[in-house]
């Protein structure tokens, strides 16, 4: 298992290949990458993501361990960026390895739902109209109920 919180961009291809290497007993590897998207109202100039070092890594490690245990994963990877990001930049990556695809997909979705709604990150969107903190969305909260 690997959990990384960093400000630097990551190379998705390199991370996916490195994660997949050596998992000969795993029949499924699922990856997901979240990308900063533009807003509908006013063009997004940037998103600033803040976190508390140490606390954030511990929270992400805990949820990754839960996913590994619950779905009998062979491995899990969580990468999440912080700092200033612009539309089109990769913000996070999740990868799971399991003997069967259902477990790999469900574990990846579980991790993504957690990252979207519960991970200790604070996001601020900056547009030509100013800056505002991103509030929790009802649909993101509802997604957690299935777990």
N, C-alpha and C. Protein backbone atom coordinates (compact mmCIF):
# COMPACT_ATOMS: atom_id res chain seq x y z
N UNK A 1 0.84 -1.17 0.00
CA UNK A 1 0.00 0.00 0.00
C UNK A 1 0.89 1.24 0.00
N UNK A 2 0.44 2.23 -0.75
CA UNK A 2 1.18 3.49 -0.80
C UNK A 2 0.19 4.64 -0.79
N UNK A 3 0.43 5.61 0.08
CA UNK A 3 -0.37 6.82 0.16
C UNK A 3 0.59 8.00 0.05
N UNK A 4 0.29 8.91 -0.88
CA UNK A 4 1.16 10.05 -1.12
C UNK A 4 0.31 11.31 -1.19
N UNK A 5 0.73 12.35 -0.47
CA UNK A 5 0.13 13.68 -0.59
C UNK A 5 1.28 14.59 -1.00
N UNK A 6 1.13 15.22 -2.16
CA UNK A 6 2.24 15.99 -2.71
C UNK A 6 1.74 17.20 -3.47
N UNK A 7 2.62 18.19 -3.65
CA UNK A 7 2.25 19.34 -4.45
C UNK A 7 2.68 19.17 -5.90
N UNK A 8 3.66 18.37 -6.17
CA UNK A 8 4.18 18.18 -7.53
C UNK A 8 3.25 17.33 -8.38
N UNK A 9 3.22 17.57 -9.68
CA UNK A 9 2.45 16.70 -10.58
C UNK A 9 3.00 15.28 -10.52
N UNK A 10 2.16 14.31 -10.89
CA UNK A 10 2.61 12.93 -10.96
C UNK A 10 2.40 12.42 -12.39
N UNK A 11 3.15 11.41 -12.74
CA UNK A 11 3.08 10.79 -14.06
C UNK A 11 2.15 9.59 -13.97
N UNK A 12 0.94 9.74 -14.48
CA UNK A 12 -0.06 8.68 -14.37
C UNK A 12 0.44 7.36 -14.97
N UNK A 13 1.01 7.40 -16.16
CA UNK A 13 1.49 6.18 -16.81
C UNK A 13 2.54 5.47 -15.98
N UNK A 14 3.48 6.22 -15.48
CA UNK A 14 4.53 5.64 -14.64
C UNK A 14 3.94 5.03 -13.38
N UNK A 15 3.05 5.77 -12.72
CA UNK A 15 2.44 5.28 -11.47
C UNK A 15 1.61 4.03 -11.72
N UNK A 16 0.83 4.01 -12.80
CA UNK A 16 0.00 2.84 -13.10
C UNK A 16 0.85 1.62 -13.41
N UNK A 17 1.90 1.80 -14.20
CA UNK A 17 2.77 0.67 -14.53
C UNK A 17 3.52 0.16 -13.30
N UNK A 18 4.02 1.06 -12.49
CA UNK A 18 4.73 0.66 -11.28
C UNK A 18 3.80 -0.08 -10.33
N UNK A 19 2.55 0.38 -10.24
CA UNK A 19 1.58 -0.27 -9.36
C UNK A 19 1.26 -1.69 -9.86
N UNK A 20 1.09 -1.83 -11.17
CA UNK A 20 0.69 -3.12 -11.75
C UNK A 20 1.81 -4.16 -11.71
N UNK A 21 3.04 -3.71 -11.71
CA UNK A 21 4.18 -4.61 -11.75
C UNK A 21 4.20 -5.55 -10.55
N UNK A 22 4.37 -6.83 -10.82
CA UNK A 22 4.56 -7.79 -9.75
C UNK A 22 3.29 -8.36 -9.13
N UNK A 23 2.14 -7.99 -9.63
CA UNK A 23 0.90 -8.51 -9.08
C UNK A 23 0.39 -9.68 -9.92
N UNK A 24 1.19 -10.72 -10.01
CA UNK A 24 0.85 -11.85 -10.88
C UNK A 24 -0.32 -12.68 -10.36
N UNK A 25 -0.64 -12.57 -9.08
CA UNK A 25 -1.79 -13.32 -8.55
C UNK A 25 -3.08 -12.49 -8.57
N UNK A 26 -2.98 -11.26 -9.03
CA UNK A 26 -4.16 -10.38 -9.10
C UNK A 26 -4.74 -10.44 -10.51
N UNK A 27 -6.04 -10.62 -10.61
CA UNK A 27 -6.69 -10.67 -11.93
C UNK A 27 -7.22 -9.34 -12.39
N UNK A 28 -7.22 -8.32 -11.50
CA UNK A 28 -7.79 -7.02 -11.86
C UNK A 28 -7.01 -5.89 -11.23
N UNK A 29 -6.75 -4.89 -12.03
CA UNK A 29 -6.16 -3.65 -11.54
C UNK A 29 -7.03 -2.52 -12.08
N UNK A 30 -7.53 -1.72 -11.17
CA UNK A 30 -8.38 -0.59 -11.53
C UNK A 30 -7.66 0.69 -11.17
N UNK A 31 -7.69 1.65 -12.10
CA UNK A 31 -7.11 2.97 -11.82
C UNK A 31 -8.15 4.04 -12.13
N UNK A 32 -8.06 5.13 -11.39
CA UNK A 32 -8.91 6.29 -11.63
C UNK A 32 -8.07 7.53 -11.37
N UNK A 33 -8.23 8.51 -12.22
CA UNK A 33 -7.54 9.78 -12.04
C UNK A 33 -8.56 10.91 -12.09
N UNK A 34 -8.56 11.75 -11.07
CA UNK A 34 -9.40 12.93 -11.05
C UNK A 34 -8.63 14.11 -11.62
N UNK A 35 -9.35 14.92 -12.39
CA UNK A 35 -8.75 16.07 -13.07
C UNK A 35 -9.49 17.33 -12.65
N UNK A 36 -8.76 18.41 -12.45
CA UNK A 36 -9.39 19.69 -12.15
C UNK A 36 -10.20 20.11 -13.37
N UNK A 37 -11.50 20.36 -13.15
CA UNK A 37 -12.35 20.76 -14.28
C UNK A 37 -12.77 22.21 -14.11
N UNK A 38 -13.08 22.81 -15.24
CA UNK A 38 -13.54 24.18 -15.27
C UNK A 38 -14.94 24.25 -14.67
N UNK A 39 -15.33 25.41 -14.19
CA UNK A 39 -16.66 25.61 -13.64
C UNK A 39 -17.62 26.07 -14.73
N UNK A 40 -18.90 25.91 -14.48
CA UNK A 40 -19.91 26.34 -15.45
C UNK A 40 -20.18 27.83 -15.39
N UNK A 41 -20.15 28.41 -14.20
CA UNK A 41 -20.55 29.81 -14.02
C UNK A 41 -19.51 30.78 -14.58
N UNK A 42 -18.32 30.73 -14.07
CA UNK A 42 -17.22 31.60 -14.51
C UNK A 42 -16.01 30.73 -14.75
N UNK A 43 -15.23 31.01 -15.77
CA UNK A 43 -14.05 30.17 -16.04
C UNK A 43 -13.14 30.05 -14.81
N UNK A 44 -12.77 28.82 -14.50
CA UNK A 44 -11.90 28.56 -13.36
C UNK A 44 -10.47 28.90 -13.73
N UNK A 45 -9.87 29.76 -12.96
CA UNK A 45 -8.46 30.10 -13.16
C UNK A 45 -7.57 29.08 -12.47
N UNK A 46 -7.97 28.70 -11.25
CA UNK A 46 -7.17 27.75 -10.47
C UNK A 46 -8.00 27.22 -9.31
N UNK A 47 -7.53 26.10 -8.78
CA UNK A 47 -8.07 25.56 -7.55
C UNK A 47 -6.91 25.44 -6.57
N UNK A 48 -7.12 25.94 -5.38
CA UNK A 48 -6.10 25.82 -4.34
C UNK A 48 -6.58 24.79 -3.32
N UNK A 49 -5.72 23.83 -3.02
CA UNK A 49 -6.07 22.74 -2.11
C UNK A 49 -5.13 22.82 -0.91
N UNK A 50 -5.74 22.86 0.27
CA UNK A 50 -4.98 22.91 1.51
C UNK A 50 -5.21 21.62 2.30
N UNK A 51 -4.26 21.29 3.16
CA UNK A 51 -4.38 20.13 4.02
C UNK A 51 -3.48 20.32 5.23
N UNK A 52 -3.66 19.47 6.23
CA UNK A 52 -2.78 19.46 7.40
C UNK A 52 -1.82 18.28 7.26
N UNK A 53 -0.53 18.55 6.99
CA UNK A 53 0.42 17.45 6.86
C UNK A 53 0.41 16.56 8.11
N UNK A 54 0.53 15.29 7.87
CA UNK A 54 0.49 14.32 8.97
C UNK A 54 -0.92 13.83 9.20
N UNK A 55 -1.85 14.72 9.47
CA UNK A 55 -3.23 14.34 9.68
C UNK A 55 -3.84 13.78 8.38
N UNK A 56 -3.58 14.45 7.28
CA UNK A 56 -4.15 14.01 6.01
C UNK A 56 -3.61 12.64 5.61
N UNK A 57 -2.31 12.46 5.70
CA UNK A 57 -1.72 11.16 5.34
C UNK A 57 -2.25 10.05 6.23
N UNK A 58 -2.41 10.33 7.51
CA UNK A 58 -2.92 9.32 8.45
C UNK A 58 -4.36 8.95 8.08
N UNK A 59 -5.18 9.93 7.74
CA UNK A 59 -6.58 9.66 7.37
C UNK A 59 -6.65 8.85 6.08
N UNK A 60 -5.83 9.19 5.11
CA UNK A 60 -5.83 8.45 3.84
C UNK A 60 -5.29 7.04 4.01
N UNK A 61 -4.29 6.88 4.85
CA UNK A 61 -3.75 5.55 5.14
C UNK A 61 -4.82 4.69 5.80
N UNK A 62 -5.55 5.26 6.73
CA UNK A 62 -6.60 4.51 7.43
C UNK A 62 -7.66 4.03 6.43
N UNK A 63 -8.12 4.89 5.54
CA UNK A 63 -9.18 4.49 4.61
C UNK A 63 -8.64 3.49 3.59
N UNK A 64 -7.39 3.61 3.19
CA UNK A 64 -6.80 2.62 2.27
C UNK A 64 -6.69 1.26 2.96
N UNK A 65 -6.31 1.25 4.23
CA UNK A 65 -6.26 -0.01 4.98
C UNK A 65 -7.64 -0.64 5.10
N UNK A 66 -8.66 0.19 5.30
CA UNK A 66 -10.03 -0.33 5.35
C UNK A 66 -10.41 -0.98 4.02
N UNK A 67 -10.07 -0.34 2.93
CA UNK A 67 -10.39 -0.88 1.60
C UNK A 67 -9.67 -2.21 1.37
N UNK A 68 -8.40 -2.28 1.74
CA UNK A 68 -7.62 -3.51 1.56
C UNK A 68 -8.27 -4.65 2.34
N UNK A 69 -8.64 -4.38 3.56
CA UNK A 69 -9.24 -5.41 4.40
C UNK A 69 -10.63 -5.82 3.90
N UNK A 70 -11.46 -4.86 3.60
CA UNK A 70 -12.85 -5.13 3.22
C UNK A 70 -12.98 -5.88 1.91
N UNK A 71 -12.11 -5.57 0.93
CA UNK A 71 -12.20 -6.21 -0.39
C UNK A 71 -11.04 -7.17 -0.65
N UNK A 72 -10.29 -7.53 0.35
CA UNK A 72 -9.16 -8.46 0.20
C UNK A 72 -8.25 -8.05 -0.95
N UNK A 73 -7.88 -6.79 -0.97
CA UNK A 73 -7.02 -6.29 -2.04
C UNK A 73 -5.60 -6.79 -1.88
N UNK A 74 -4.94 -6.95 -2.99
CA UNK A 74 -3.52 -7.26 -2.98
C UNK A 74 -2.69 -6.01 -2.78
N UNK A 75 -3.26 -4.86 -3.17
CA UNK A 75 -2.54 -3.60 -3.01
C UNK A 75 -3.49 -2.44 -3.28
N UNK A 76 -3.11 -1.27 -2.80
CA UNK A 76 -3.87 -0.05 -3.06
C UNK A 76 -2.89 1.12 -3.13
N UNK A 77 -3.25 2.10 -3.93
CA UNK A 77 -2.45 3.31 -4.10
C UNK A 77 -3.39 4.50 -4.05
N UNK A 78 -2.99 5.52 -3.31
CA UNK A 78 -3.72 6.79 -3.28
C UNK A 78 -2.69 7.90 -3.41
N UNK A 79 -2.86 8.73 -4.45
CA UNK A 79 -2.03 9.92 -4.62
C UNK A 79 -2.99 11.10 -4.66
N UNK A 80 -2.71 12.12 -3.87
CA UNK A 80 -3.55 13.33 -3.90
C UNK A 80 -2.64 14.55 -3.84
N UNK A 81 -2.92 15.50 -4.70
CA UNK A 81 -2.10 16.71 -4.74
C UNK A 81 -2.70 17.81 -3.87
N UNK A 82 -1.87 18.75 -3.51
CA UNK A 82 -2.29 19.97 -2.83
C UNK A 82 -1.57 21.14 -3.47
N UNK A 83 -1.97 22.33 -3.10
CA UNK A 83 -1.37 23.52 -3.69
C UNK A 83 -2.27 24.09 -4.78
N UNK A 84 -1.69 24.85 -5.68
CA UNK A 84 -2.42 25.52 -6.75
C UNK A 84 -2.41 24.65 -8.01
N UNK A 85 -3.60 24.32 -8.48
CA UNK A 85 -3.76 23.52 -9.70
C UNK A 85 -4.68 24.26 -10.66
N UNK A 86 -4.43 24.06 -11.95
CA UNK A 86 -5.25 24.71 -12.98
C UNK A 86 -6.08 23.65 -13.71
N UNK A 87 -7.16 24.08 -14.39
CA UNK A 87 -7.99 23.11 -15.12
C UNK A 87 -7.15 22.23 -16.05
N UNK A 88 -7.47 20.94 -16.01
CA UNK A 88 -6.75 19.97 -16.83
C UNK A 88 -5.65 19.23 -16.08
N UNK A 89 -5.22 19.76 -14.94
CA UNK A 89 -4.18 19.07 -14.17
C UNK A 89 -4.79 17.92 -13.37
N UNK A 90 -4.01 16.86 -13.23
CA UNK A 90 -4.43 15.72 -12.42
C UNK A 90 -4.35 16.10 -10.96
N UNK A 91 -5.44 15.83 -10.25
CA UNK A 91 -5.52 16.19 -8.83
C UNK A 91 -5.30 14.98 -7.93
N UNK A 92 -5.73 13.80 -8.40
CA UNK A 92 -5.59 12.60 -7.57
C UNK A 92 -5.59 11.35 -8.44
N UNK A 93 -5.14 10.26 -7.83
CA UNK A 93 -5.14 8.95 -8.48
C UNK A 93 -5.40 7.89 -7.42
N UNK A 94 -6.23 6.93 -7.80
CA UNK A 94 -6.48 5.76 -6.97
C UNK A 94 -6.21 4.54 -7.83
N UNK A 95 -5.57 3.54 -7.26
CA UNK A 95 -5.38 2.26 -7.95
C UNK A 95 -5.62 1.15 -6.94
N UNK A 96 -6.28 0.10 -7.41
CA UNK A 96 -6.54 -1.07 -6.57
C UNK A 96 -6.19 -2.33 -7.35
N UNK A 97 -5.71 -3.33 -6.65
CA UNK A 97 -5.40 -4.63 -7.24
C UNK A 97 -6.12 -5.70 -6.45
N UNK A 98 -6.86 -6.56 -7.14
CA UNK A 98 -7.61 -7.62 -6.47
C UNK A 98 -7.63 -8.85 -7.37
N UNK A 99 -7.97 -9.98 -6.78
CA UNK A 99 -8.05 -11.21 -7.57
C UNK A 99 -9.17 -11.13 -8.60
N UNK A 100 -10.23 -10.38 -8.28
CA UNK A 100 -11.39 -10.30 -9.18
C UNK A 100 -11.79 -8.84 -9.40
N UNK A 101 -12.31 -8.54 -10.58
CA UNK A 101 -12.60 -7.16 -10.96
C UNK A 101 -13.64 -6.48 -10.08
N UNK A 102 -14.64 -7.22 -9.62
CA UNK A 102 -15.68 -6.60 -8.79
C UNK A 102 -15.06 -5.97 -7.54
N UNK A 103 -14.18 -6.70 -6.88
CA UNK A 103 -13.53 -6.17 -5.68
C UNK A 103 -12.66 -4.96 -6.01
N UNK A 104 -11.92 -5.05 -7.11
CA UNK A 104 -11.04 -3.93 -7.49
C UNK A 104 -11.85 -2.68 -7.80
N UNK A 105 -12.97 -2.83 -8.54
CA UNK A 105 -13.82 -1.68 -8.86
C UNK A 105 -14.49 -1.11 -7.62
N UNK A 106 -15.07 -1.97 -6.80
CA UNK A 106 -15.77 -1.48 -5.61
C UNK A 106 -14.81 -0.78 -4.65
N UNK A 107 -13.65 -1.33 -4.45
CA UNK A 107 -12.67 -0.71 -3.56
C UNK A 107 -12.23 0.65 -4.11
N UNK A 108 -12.02 0.73 -5.41
CA UNK A 108 -11.63 2.01 -6.01
C UNK A 108 -12.74 3.04 -5.84
N UNK A 109 -13.99 2.64 -6.06
CA UNK A 109 -15.11 3.57 -5.86
C UNK A 109 -15.22 4.02 -4.41
N UNK A 110 -15.04 3.09 -3.49
CA UNK A 110 -15.06 3.41 -2.06
C UNK A 110 -14.00 4.47 -1.75
N UNK A 111 -12.78 4.27 -2.24
CA UNK A 111 -11.71 5.23 -2.00
C UNK A 111 -12.02 6.58 -2.63
N UNK A 112 -12.56 6.57 -3.85
CA UNK A 112 -12.88 7.83 -4.53
C UNK A 112 -13.99 8.58 -3.79
N UNK A 113 -15.01 7.86 -3.34
CA UNK A 113 -16.10 8.50 -2.60
C UNK A 113 -15.57 9.12 -1.31
N UNK A 114 -14.69 8.42 -0.64
CA UNK A 114 -14.10 8.95 0.58
C UNK A 114 -13.28 10.21 0.28
N UNK A 115 -12.44 10.16 -0.76
CA UNK A 115 -11.60 11.31 -1.10
C UNK A 115 -12.45 12.52 -1.45
N UNK A 116 -13.57 12.29 -2.10
CA UNK A 116 -14.43 13.39 -2.53
C UNK A 116 -15.15 14.06 -1.37
N UNK A 117 -15.52 13.29 -0.35
CA UNK A 117 -16.38 13.87 0.67
C UNK A 117 -15.80 13.91 2.08
N UNK A 118 -14.85 13.05 2.42
CA UNK A 118 -14.39 12.98 3.81
C UNK A 118 -12.91 13.26 4.02
N UNK A 119 -12.11 13.14 2.99
CA UNK A 119 -10.67 13.35 3.17
C UNK A 119 -10.42 14.78 3.63
N UNK A 120 -9.47 14.97 4.54
CA UNK A 120 -9.24 16.31 5.09
C UNK A 120 -8.44 17.22 4.15
N UNK A 121 -9.14 17.64 3.09
CA UNK A 121 -8.61 18.63 2.15
C UNK A 121 -9.62 19.77 2.10
N UNK A 122 -9.12 20.98 1.91
CA UNK A 122 -9.99 22.15 1.75
C UNK A 122 -9.66 22.76 0.40
N UNK A 123 -10.72 22.95 -0.41
CA UNK A 123 -10.53 23.41 -1.79
C UNK A 123 -11.16 24.78 -1.98
N UNK A 124 -10.41 25.63 -2.65
CA UNK A 124 -10.90 26.97 -2.96
C UNK A 124 -10.78 27.18 -4.46
N UNK A 125 -11.89 27.57 -5.08
CA UNK A 125 -11.91 27.85 -6.52
C UNK A 125 -11.67 29.34 -6.75
N UNK A 126 -10.82 29.63 -7.70
CA UNK A 126 -10.50 31.01 -8.04
C UNK A 126 -10.95 31.26 -9.47
N UNK A 127 -11.85 32.24 -9.63
CA UNK A 127 -12.36 32.62 -10.94
C UNK A 127 -12.15 34.12 -11.13
N UNK A 128 -12.53 34.63 -12.28
CA UNK A 128 -12.44 36.07 -12.52
C UNK A 128 -13.37 36.85 -11.59
N UNK A 129 -14.34 36.16 -11.00
CA UNK A 129 -15.30 36.81 -10.09
C UNK A 129 -14.85 36.74 -8.63
N UNK A 130 -13.71 36.13 -8.38
CA UNK A 130 -13.20 36.04 -7.01
C UNK A 130 -12.92 34.61 -6.62
N UNK A 131 -12.73 34.40 -5.32
CA UNK A 131 -12.41 33.08 -4.78
C UNK A 131 -13.49 32.64 -3.82
N UNK A 132 -13.78 31.33 -3.82
CA UNK A 132 -14.76 30.79 -2.87
C UNK A 132 -14.37 29.37 -2.50
N UNK A 133 -14.66 29.02 -1.24
CA UNK A 133 -14.39 27.66 -0.77
C UNK A 133 -15.42 26.72 -1.36
N UNK A 134 -15.01 25.52 -1.69
CA UNK A 134 -15.90 24.51 -2.27
C UNK A 134 -16.64 23.83 -1.12
N UNK A 135 -17.95 23.89 -1.18
CA UNK A 135 -18.79 23.29 -0.15
C UNK A 135 -19.05 21.82 -0.48
N UNK A 136 -19.34 21.05 0.55
CA UNK A 136 -19.71 19.64 0.35
C UNK A 136 -20.99 19.58 -0.46
N UNK A 137 -21.08 18.62 -1.36
CA UNK A 137 -22.27 18.45 -2.19
C UNK A 137 -23.09 17.28 -1.67
N UNK A 138 -24.40 17.45 -1.71
CA UNK A 138 -25.31 16.41 -1.21
C UNK A 138 -25.08 15.07 -1.90
N UNK A 139 -24.86 15.08 -3.22
CA UNK A 139 -24.67 13.81 -3.94
C UNK A 139 -23.38 13.10 -3.55
N UNK A 140 -22.35 13.88 -3.18
CA UNK A 140 -21.11 13.26 -2.71
C UNK A 140 -21.31 12.61 -1.35
N UNK A 141 -22.07 13.27 -0.49
CA UNK A 141 -22.38 12.71 0.83
C UNK A 141 -23.24 11.46 0.68
N UNK A 142 -24.22 11.51 -0.22
CA UNK A 142 -25.11 10.37 -0.43
C UNK A 142 -24.35 9.16 -0.96
N UNK A 143 -23.31 9.39 -1.74
CA UNK A 143 -22.53 8.29 -2.31
C UNK A 143 -21.89 7.44 -1.21
N UNK A 144 -21.57 8.05 -0.09
CA UNK A 144 -20.94 7.32 1.01
C UNK A 144 -21.90 6.36 1.71
N UNK A 145 -23.19 6.63 1.62
CA UNK A 145 -24.17 5.81 2.32
C UNK A 145 -24.17 4.37 1.85
N UNK A 146 -23.77 4.12 0.61
CA UNK A 146 -23.80 2.73 0.12
C UNK A 146 -22.69 1.88 0.71
N UNK A 147 -21.71 2.50 1.35
CA UNK A 147 -20.59 1.74 1.92
C UNK A 147 -20.84 1.49 3.38
